[in-house]
Amino acid sequence: MTWRPRWLNRTVLGIGLASLFSDWSHEIATTLLPTLLASMGVAAAWLGLIEGVSDGLSSFAKMASGYYTDRLRRRKPIAVVGYLVTALGTAAFGLATSAWHVLLARATAWLGRGVRTPVRKALLAGAVTRETYGRAFGFERMMDTLGAVIGPATALVLLQVVNHDYATLFALTLIPGLIAAGLIAVVVREKERSPVPHITFGESLRALPARFRRFLIAVGLFGMGDCAHTMLILLATQKLTPVLGVTKAASLAAGLYVLHNVLYAGFSMVAGWLADRFDKGRLLASGYFLAAVMALAMILLPANIWTLAAIFAIGGIYVAIEETLEDSFCAELVGEAHHGMAFGTLLGERRRRLRLEPDRRAPVDGLRNLCRLQLQRRVVPLRRRTGASCVRGSAT
């Protein structure tokens, strides 16, 4: 009998858990960021500046990290440093007394996030066989999504537990953040590899296979026609308000979004299982096709609870297929020695796509925005505690 290695080994499990804990950590901070800035009395434009600078720095770091780490014998130390920087930068929000302090902390955290991401994906691809790429990346996507959903909900709970003490709350984000770094350092194993000889960045791009470059073009074209999934909440609220009233319509839209997120997490594993048994290119095309079906349904079907539920469900399923298949197909198309550069390039293309369509990351931003609405209802304008570096808000 032929021995077949397990795909859910300690490295895959460690990376999946690290994704969950790290997203849990920084999504708590991201959810509370607008309220923190409001407590400082700064203009709303600061939020856009902070997000824009941080995202731009993260995008640059992904490309640079992917290129650089292909030339190292061991990638894992870079990933550990990236997770540590993200955790410390996120916790540093609690030390901020002005908007530029928040900008510096957020940019630092997102720099670490950008550095670690292509390395994490390269480590994941290196821990399994080509025949199990789909399940490994599907598991990682599922865990990442769960962490991003738990984070905003945890922010609501912790805010009440610590009596709106923001310094304490942001300090608590160190717990899941450091757990994530520890998982990468202790649990994840990196197998021996030969580093790529030093060549320029441009030469590294040209060294990527022609089929991978065609794949990137398809990813970019799809992104040009894709839509922001947080708009589904607005669509459902607007269509249901005349029948149910604004309060019930908003609550129902939130419930539909929960359905979307559950299907996104669950179908990430289903998509990964299918990717290991069928042609990845055709499966990815089927995910893109489902996106077109969702768009047509939004345009052509009468808006009622059942059609909206179908639209939300299709949206969650196709995003699961899209992200899982893009990652696993990328790993399959490019040799293991160049995985860092390949994933850095793919992530850079995704970042460009995100700039074209704000709030694209469905399971993260939708729930985060809903939690922000709850915070705005429950938290009165905050006041700084005299003589301290933390910010408190008075309870309503």
Protein backbone atom coordinates (compact mmCIF):
# COMPACT_ATOMS: atom_id res chain seq x y z
CA MET A 1 0.00 0.00 0.00
CA THR A 2 1.33 3.43 -0.99
CA TRP A 3 1.82 5.85 1.90
CA ARG A 4 0.14 9.21 1.37
CA PRO A 5 1.16 12.09 3.64
CA ARG A 6 -1.54 13.84 5.66
CA TRP A 7 -2.33 17.35 4.52
CA LEU A 8 -3.40 18.55 7.99
CA ASN A 9 0.06 18.33 9.53
CA ARG A 10 1.41 20.48 12.35
CA THR A 11 2.57 23.23 9.96
CA VAL A 12 -0.81 23.57 8.25
CA LEU A 13 -2.56 23.54 11.62
CA GLY A 14 -0.10 26.06 13.08
CA ILE A 15 -0.47 28.46 10.16
CA GLY A 16 -4.26 28.16 10.26
CA LEU A 17 -4.41 28.89 13.98
CA ALA A 18 -1.93 31.76 13.59
CA SER A 19 -4.17 33.30 10.92
CA LEU A 20 -7.17 33.01 13.24
CA PHE A 21 -5.45 34.57 16.27
CA SER A 22 -3.70 37.32 14.36
CA ASP A 23 -6.87 38.43 12.58
CA TRP A 24 -8.71 38.23 15.88
CA SER A 25 -6.14 40.63 17.36
CA HIS A 26 -5.94 43.33 14.72
CA GLU A 27 -9.64 43.26 13.84
CA ILE A 28 -10.46 44.26 17.42
CA ALA A 29 -8.28 47.33 16.94
CA THR A 30 -9.58 48.09 13.46
CA THR A 31 -13.19 47.97 14.65
CA LEU A 32 -12.50 50.52 17.36
CA LEU A 33 -10.23 52.77 15.29
CA PRO A 34 -12.93 55.29 14.20
CA THR A 35 -14.19 55.65 17.77
CA LEU A 36 -10.65 56.18 19.06
CA LEU A 37 -10.03 58.93 16.50
CA ALA A 38 -13.39 60.55 17.31
CA SER A 39 -12.39 60.67 20.98
CA MET A 40 -9.32 62.67 19.97
CA GLY A 41 -11.49 65.22 18.17
CA VAL A 42 -9.67 64.84 14.83
CA ALA A 43 -11.20 65.21 11.37
CA ALA A 44 -12.71 62.16 9.68
CA ALA A 45 -10.15 62.55 6.88
CA TRP A 46 -7.53 61.14 9.24
CA LEU A 47 -9.17 57.72 9.04
CA GLY A 48 -8.80 57.67 5.27
CA LEU A 49 -5.20 58.84 5.53
CA ILE A 50 -4.32 56.18 8.10
CA GLU A 51 -5.95 53.39 6.10
CA GLY A 52 -4.45 54.59 2.80
CA VAL A 53 -0.88 54.93 4.07
CA SER A 54 -1.05 51.61 5.90
CA ASP A 55 -2.49 49.70 2.95
CA GLY A 56 0.05 51.21 0.56
CA LEU A 57 2.94 50.27 2.85
CA SER A 58 1.54 46.76 3.27
CA SER A 59 1.25 46.30 -0.49
CA PHE A 60 4.86 47.36 -1.00
CA ALA A 61 6.01 45.06 1.83
CA LYS A 62 4.28 42.04 0.27
CA MET A 63 6.11 42.45 -3.02
CA ALA A 64 9.45 43.15 -1.35
CA SER A 65 9.10 40.30 1.16
CA GLY A 66 8.20 37.78 -1.52
CA TYR A 67 11.20 38.81 -3.62
CA TYR A 68 13.65 38.88 -0.71
CA THR A 69 12.67 35.69 1.09
CA ASP A 70 13.07 33.52 -2.02
CA ARG A 71 16.79 34.24 -1.57
CA LEU A 72 16.92 32.94 2.00
CA ARG A 73 17.56 29.40 3.14
CA ARG A 74 14.96 29.84 5.90
CA ARG A 75 11.85 31.96 5.51
CA LYS A 76 10.22 31.27 8.87
CA PRO A 77 12.15 33.85 10.97
CA ILE A 78 10.83 36.60 8.68
CA ALA A 79 7.28 35.39 9.27
CA VAL A 80 7.79 35.35 13.05
CA VAL A 81 9.12 38.92 12.98
CA GLY A 82 6.17 39.99 10.83
CA TYR A 83 3.66 38.56 13.29
CA LEU A 84 5.46 40.19 16.24
CA VAL A 85 5.55 43.59 14.54
CA THR A 86 1.83 43.34 13.73
CA ALA A 87 0.96 42.45 17.32
CA LEU A 88 3.09 45.22 18.85
CA GLY A 89 1.92 47.84 16.35
CA THR A 90 -1.71 46.96 17.04
CA ALA A 91 -1.27 47.16 20.81
CA ALA A 92 0.49 50.52 20.42
CA PHE A 93 -2.87 52.09 19.56
CA GLY A 94 -3.44 52.25 23.31
CA LEU A 95 -0.44 54.58 23.75
CA ALA A 96 -1.65 57.09 21.17
CA THR A 97 -2.58 60.59 22.27
CA SER A 98 -2.88 62.13 18.79
CA ALA A 99 -3.83 61.04 15.30
CA TRP A 100 -0.27 60.86 14.00
CA HIS A 101 0.57 58.38 16.76
CA VAL A 102 -2.25 56.16 15.48
CA LEU A 103 -0.93 56.56 11.94
CA LEU A 104 2.53 55.44 13.04
CA ALA A 105 1.19 52.44 14.99
CA ARG A 106 -1.13 51.32 12.19
CA ALA A 107 1.55 51.70 9.51
CA THR A 108 3.97 49.66 11.62
CA ALA A 109 1.40 46.90 12.16
CA TRP A 110 0.51 46.77 8.48
CA LEU A 111 4.17 46.73 7.49
CA GLY A 112 4.57 43.57 9.57
CA ARG A 113 1.39 42.15 8.07
CA GLY A 114 2.66 42.78 4.55
CA VAL A 115 6.04 41.18 5.28
CA ARG A 116 4.58 38.01 6.77
CA THR A 117 1.77 37.23 4.29
CA PRO A 118 3.67 35.93 1.23
CA VAL A 119 6.06 34.10 3.56
CA ARG A 120 3.16 32.40 5.35
CA LYS A 121 1.66 31.25 2.07
CA ALA A 122 5.04 29.99 0.83
CA LEU A 123 5.53 28.05 4.09
CA LEU A 124 2.06 26.58 3.74
CA ALA A 125 2.68 25.47 0.16
CA GLY A 126 6.01 23.96 1.18
CA ALA A 127 4.40 21.90 3.96
CA VAL A 128 2.11 19.84 1.70
CA THR A 129 2.21 18.07 -1.64
CA ARG A 130 0.88 19.52 -4.88
CA GLU A 131 -2.02 17.08 -4.59
CA THR A 132 -3.18 18.68 -1.33
CA TYR A 133 -2.65 22.41 -2.02
CA GLY A 134 -6.40 22.99 -2.21
CA ARG A 135 -7.27 21.59 1.21
CA ALA A 136 -4.33 23.33 2.89
CA PHE A 137 -5.21 26.75 1.49
CA GLY A 138 -8.93 26.17 2.05
CA PHE A 139 -8.24 25.45 5.72
CA GLU A 140 -6.10 28.58 6.05
CA ARG A 141 -8.80 30.74 4.41
CA MET A 142 -11.46 29.28 6.71
CA MET A 143 -9.43 29.99 9.85
CA ASP A 144 -8.51 33.49 8.69
CA THR A 145 -12.19 34.25 8.07
CA LEU A 146 -13.25 32.96 11.48
CA GLY A 147 -10.68 35.18 13.19
CA ALA A 148 -11.82 38.21 11.24
CA VAL A 149 -15.43 37.56 12.24
CA ILE A 150 -14.66 36.90 15.93
CA GLY A 151 -12.54 40.06 16.24
CA PRO A 152 -15.24 42.73 15.80
CA ALA A 153 -17.67 40.81 18.00
CA THR A 154 -15.00 40.54 20.70
CA ALA A 155 -14.41 44.29 20.50
CA LEU A 156 -18.03 44.92 21.52
CA VAL A 157 -17.74 42.61 24.52
CA LEU A 158 -14.34 43.82 25.70
CA LEU A 159 -15.38 47.45 25.50
CA GLN A 160 -17.96 46.82 28.21
CA VAL A 161 -15.71 44.52 30.26
CA VAL A 162 -12.91 47.13 30.54
CA ASN A 163 -15.38 49.99 31.00
CA HIS A 164 -14.26 51.70 27.78
CA ASP A 165 -10.61 51.85 28.86
CA TYR A 166 -8.96 51.88 25.45
CA ALA A 167 -5.41 51.48 26.71
CA THR A 168 -6.37 48.24 28.45
CA LEU A 169 -8.43 47.04 25.52
CA PHE A 170 -5.63 47.54 22.98
CA ALA A 171 -3.16 45.94 25.39
CA LEU A 172 -5.40 42.86 25.43
CA THR A 173 -4.95 42.51 21.66
CA LEU A 174 -1.38 41.43 22.47
CA ILE A 175 -2.69 38.10 23.77
CA PRO A 176 -4.00 36.69 20.48
CA GLY A 177 -1.30 38.55 18.53
CA LEU A 178 1.57 37.00 20.50
CA ILE A 179 -0.13 33.60 20.42
CA ALA A 180 -0.08 33.85 16.62
CA ALA A 181 3.64 34.67 16.58
CA GLY A 182 4.32 31.82 19.00
CA LEU A 183 2.44 29.35 16.83
CA ILE A 184 4.56 30.24 13.82
CA ALA A 185 7.78 30.06 15.87
CA VAL A 186 7.07 26.80 17.72
CA VAL A 187 4.51 24.76 15.81
CA VAL A 188 5.34 25.52 12.18
CA ARG A 189 8.19 23.52 10.68
CA GLU A 190 10.09 24.67 7.60
CA LYS A 191 11.73 22.05 5.44
CA GLU A 192 15.17 22.52 3.93
CA ARG A 193 15.30 24.49 0.71
CA SER A 194 17.90 25.89 -1.65
CA PRO A 195 17.74 29.69 -1.97
CA VAL A 196 17.26 31.31 -5.36
CA PRO A 197 20.44 32.93 -6.74
CA HIS A 198 20.43 36.70 -6.48
CA ILE A 199 18.82 38.40 -9.46
CA THR A 200 17.11 41.76 -9.83
CA PHE A 201 13.43 42.31 -9.05
CA GLY A 202 12.61 42.67 -12.73
CA GLU A 203 14.43 39.47 -13.59
CA SER A 204 12.50 37.68 -10.84
CA LEU A 205 9.24 38.81 -12.40
CA ARG A 206 10.33 37.65 -15.84
CA ALA A 207 11.38 34.30 -14.37
CA LEU A 208 7.78 33.54 -13.37
CA PRO A 209 6.12 31.12 -15.82
CA ALA A 210 4.11 32.52 -18.73
CA ARG A 211 1.05 30.61 -17.57
CA PHE A 212 1.26 32.32 -14.17
CA ARG A 213 1.42 35.73 -15.86
CA ARG A 214 -1.73 34.87 -17.85
CA PHE A 215 -3.33 33.80 -14.58
CA LEU A 216 -2.53 37.24 -13.09
CA ILE A 217 -4.20 38.93 -16.06
CA ALA A 218 -7.36 36.89 -15.43
CA VAL A 219 -7.27 37.80 -11.73
CA GLY A 220 -6.97 41.49 -12.66
CA LEU A 221 -9.77 41.37 -15.23
CA PHE A 222 -12.10 39.70 -12.76
CA GLY A 223 -11.31 42.35 -10.18
CA MET A 224 -12.31 45.11 -12.59
CA GLY A 225 -15.83 43.70 -12.81
CA ASP A 226 -16.28 42.50 -9.23
CA CYS A 227 -18.33 44.41 -6.68
CA ALA A 228 -17.93 45.33 -3.03
CA HIS A 229 -19.84 42.80 -0.93
CA THR A 230 -20.58 45.28 1.83
CA MET A 231 -22.89 46.87 -0.73
CA LEU A 232 -25.13 43.81 -0.33
CA ILE A 233 -26.06 45.02 3.16
CA LEU A 234 -27.05 48.41 1.74
CA LEU A 235 -28.99 46.75 -1.09
CA ALA A 236 -30.95 44.52 1.28
CA THR A 237 -31.70 47.38 3.67
CA GLN A 238 -32.94 49.66 0.88
CA LYS A 239 -35.09 47.00 -0.79
CA LEU A 240 -36.68 45.71 2.42
CA THR A 241 -37.26 49.05 4.19
CA PRO A 242 -40.51 49.93 2.32
CA VAL A 243 -42.03 46.62 3.46
CA LEU A 244 -40.49 46.05 6.91
CA GLY A 245 -39.33 49.46 8.07
CA VAL A 246 -35.73 50.55 8.45
CA THR A 247 -35.03 48.84 11.79
CA LYS A 248 -36.25 45.38 10.79
CA ALA A 249 -34.73 45.73 7.35
CA ALA A 250 -31.31 46.53 8.79
CA SER A 251 -31.52 43.61 11.24
CA LEU A 252 -32.53 41.23 8.48
CA ALA A 253 -29.70 42.49 6.26
CA ALA A 254 -27.28 41.77 9.10
CA GLY A 255 -28.69 38.27 9.43
CA LEU A 256 -28.26 37.67 5.71
CA TYR A 257 -24.66 38.79 6.03
CA VAL A 258 -24.09 36.23 8.76
CA LEU A 259 -25.34 33.63 6.27
CA HIS A 260 -22.87 35.00 3.72
CA ASN A 261 -19.98 34.72 6.16
CA VAL A 262 -20.86 31.20 7.32
CA LEU A 263 -20.95 30.01 3.72
CA TYR A 264 -17.67 31.80 2.99
CA ALA A 265 -15.89 29.99 5.82
CA GLY A 266 -17.50 26.61 5.18
CA PHE A 267 -17.11 26.59 1.40
CA SER A 268 -13.43 27.50 1.67
CA MET A 269 -12.85 23.91 2.76
CA VAL A 270 -15.25 22.55 0.13
CA ALA A 271 -13.47 24.55 -2.57
CA GLY A 272 -10.12 23.24 -1.34
CA TRP A 273 -11.35 19.63 -1.45
CA LEU A 274 -12.63 20.12 -5.00
CA ALA A 275 -9.37 21.81 -6.04
CA ASP A 276 -7.45 18.67 -5.13
CA ARG A 277 -9.67 16.53 -7.36
CA PHE A 278 -10.51 18.65 -10.38
CA ASP A 279 -8.80 21.16 -12.66
CA LYS A 280 -8.07 24.31 -10.65
CA GLY A 281 -8.37 26.65 -13.63
CA ARG A 282 -11.87 25.47 -14.44
CA LEU A 283 -12.93 25.59 -10.80
CA LEU A 284 -11.67 29.16 -10.49
CA ALA A 285 -13.55 30.04 -13.66
CA SER A 286 -16.69 28.55 -12.08
CA GLY A 287 -16.20 30.87 -9.10
CA TYR A 288 -15.89 33.85 -11.43
CA PHE A 289 -19.03 32.64 -13.23
CA LEU A 290 -20.94 32.56 -9.93
CA ALA A 291 -19.93 36.19 -9.41
CA ALA A 292 -21.57 37.04 -12.73
CA VAL A 293 -24.69 35.09 -11.71
CA MET A 294 -24.87 37.09 -8.47
CA ALA A 295 -24.55 40.37 -10.36
CA LEU A 296 -27.30 39.39 -12.80
CA ALA A 297 -29.55 38.33 -9.93
CA MET A 298 -29.06 41.73 -8.28
CA ILE A 299 -30.11 43.44 -11.51
CA LEU A 300 -32.90 41.23 -12.84
CA LEU A 301 -34.65 39.48 -9.94
CA PRO A 302 -37.39 41.13 -7.86
CA ALA A 303 -36.03 42.06 -4.44
CA ASN A 304 -37.62 40.00 -1.68
CA ILE A 305 -36.27 38.05 1.26
CA TRP A 306 -35.81 34.84 -0.74
CA THR A 307 -34.00 36.36 -3.70
CA LEU A 308 -31.82 38.43 -1.39
CA ALA A 309 -30.95 35.29 0.61
CA ALA A 310 -29.94 33.60 -2.63
CA ILE A 311 -27.77 36.58 -3.62
CA PHE A 312 -26.00 36.62 -0.23
CA ALA A 313 -25.49 32.86 -0.38
CA ILE A 314 -24.03 32.94 -3.89
CA GLY A 315 -21.74 35.78 -2.82
CA GLY A 316 -20.33 33.83 0.12
CA ILE A 317 -19.81 30.70 -1.97
CA TYR A 318 -18.04 32.37 -4.87
CA VAL A 319 -15.66 34.35 -2.66
CA ALA A 320 -14.68 31.09 -0.94
CA ILE A 321 -13.98 29.49 -4.33
CA GLU A 322 -12.18 32.56 -5.66
CA GLU A 323 -9.71 33.08 -2.81
CA THR A 324 -8.99 29.40 -2.14
CA LEU A 325 -8.47 28.61 -5.81
CA GLU A 326 -6.36 31.69 -6.52
CA ASP A 327 -3.95 30.74 -3.73
CA SER A 328 -3.74 27.03 -4.53
CA PHE A 329 -3.54 27.62 -8.29
CA CYS A 330 -0.72 30.13 -7.72
CA ALA A 331 1.22 27.49 -5.74
CA GLU A 332 0.67 24.94 -8.50
CA LEU A 333 1.70 27.18 -11.38
CA VAL A 334 5.04 28.28 -9.91
CA GLY A 335 7.95 26.20 -8.67
CA GLU A 336 8.45 26.04 -4.92
CA ALA A 337 11.70 28.00 -5.07
CA HIS A 338 9.82 31.05 -6.43
CA HIS A 339 6.70 30.82 -4.25
CA GLY A 340 7.59 33.96 -2.30
CA MET A 341 7.76 36.09 -5.43
CA ALA A 342 4.64 34.49 -6.89
CA PHE A 343 2.52 35.06 -3.80
CA GLY A 344 3.89 38.56 -3.36
CA THR A 345 2.84 39.38 -6.92
CA LEU A 346 -0.60 37.81 -6.52
CA LEU A 347 -1.19 39.68 -3.26
CA GLY A 348 -0.05 42.89 -4.91
CA GLU A 349 -2.61 42.37 -7.66
CA ARG A 350 -5.30 41.73 -5.07
CA ARG A 351 -4.34 44.94 -3.28
CA ARG A 352 -4.64 46.89 -6.53
CA ARG A 353 -8.06 45.31 -7.01
CA LEU A 354 -9.08 46.33 -3.50
CA ARG A 355 -8.21 49.93 -4.28
CA LEU A 356 -10.52 49.79 -7.29
CA GLU A 357 -13.38 48.40 -5.18
CA PRO A 358 -13.34 49.60 -1.56
CA ASP A 359 -14.36 47.27 1.27
CA ARG A 360 -13.98 44.18 -0.94
CA ARG A 361 -13.13 41.77 1.85
CA ALA A 362 -16.61 40.57 2.60
CA PRO A 363 -16.48 38.63 5.85
CA VAL A 364 -14.23 41.16 7.53
CA ASP A 365 -15.50 44.58 6.61
CA GLY A 366 -19.23 43.87 6.63
CA LEU A 367 -19.30 42.57 10.19
CA ARG A 368 -16.78 45.20 11.26
CA ASN A 369 -19.01 47.99 9.95
CA LEU A 370 -22.04 46.50 11.69
CA CYS A 371 -20.11 46.43 14.96
CA ARG A 372 -19.06 50.04 14.43
CA LEU A 373 -22.72 51.00 14.14
CA GLN A 374 -23.39 49.26 17.44
CA LEU A 375 -20.50 51.12 19.04
CA GLN A 376 -21.83 54.45 17.81
CA ARG A 377 -25.16 53.68 19.46
CA ARG A 378 -23.69 52.48 22.74
CA VAL A 379 -20.71 54.73 23.31
CA VAL A 380 -21.00 58.43 24.06
CA PRO A 381 -18.20 60.82 23.10
CA LEU A 382 -15.11 59.78 24.97
CA ARG A 383 -12.96 61.92 27.22
CA ARG A 384 -9.29 61.60 27.90
CA ARG A 385 -8.28 60.65 31.38
CA THR A 386 -6.23 63.46 32.81
CA GLY A 387 -2.60 62.62 33.38
CA ALA A 388 -2.76 59.27 31.57
CA SER A 389 -1.96 58.06 28.10
CA CYS A 390 -5.13 56.03 27.74
CA VAL A 391 -8.53 57.21 26.56
CA ARG A 392 -11.79 56.45 28.33
CA GLY A 393 -15.36 56.83 27.21
CA SER A 394 -18.24 57.27 29.60
CA ALA A 395 -20.92 54.59 29.55
CA THR A 396 -24.30 55.43 28.16
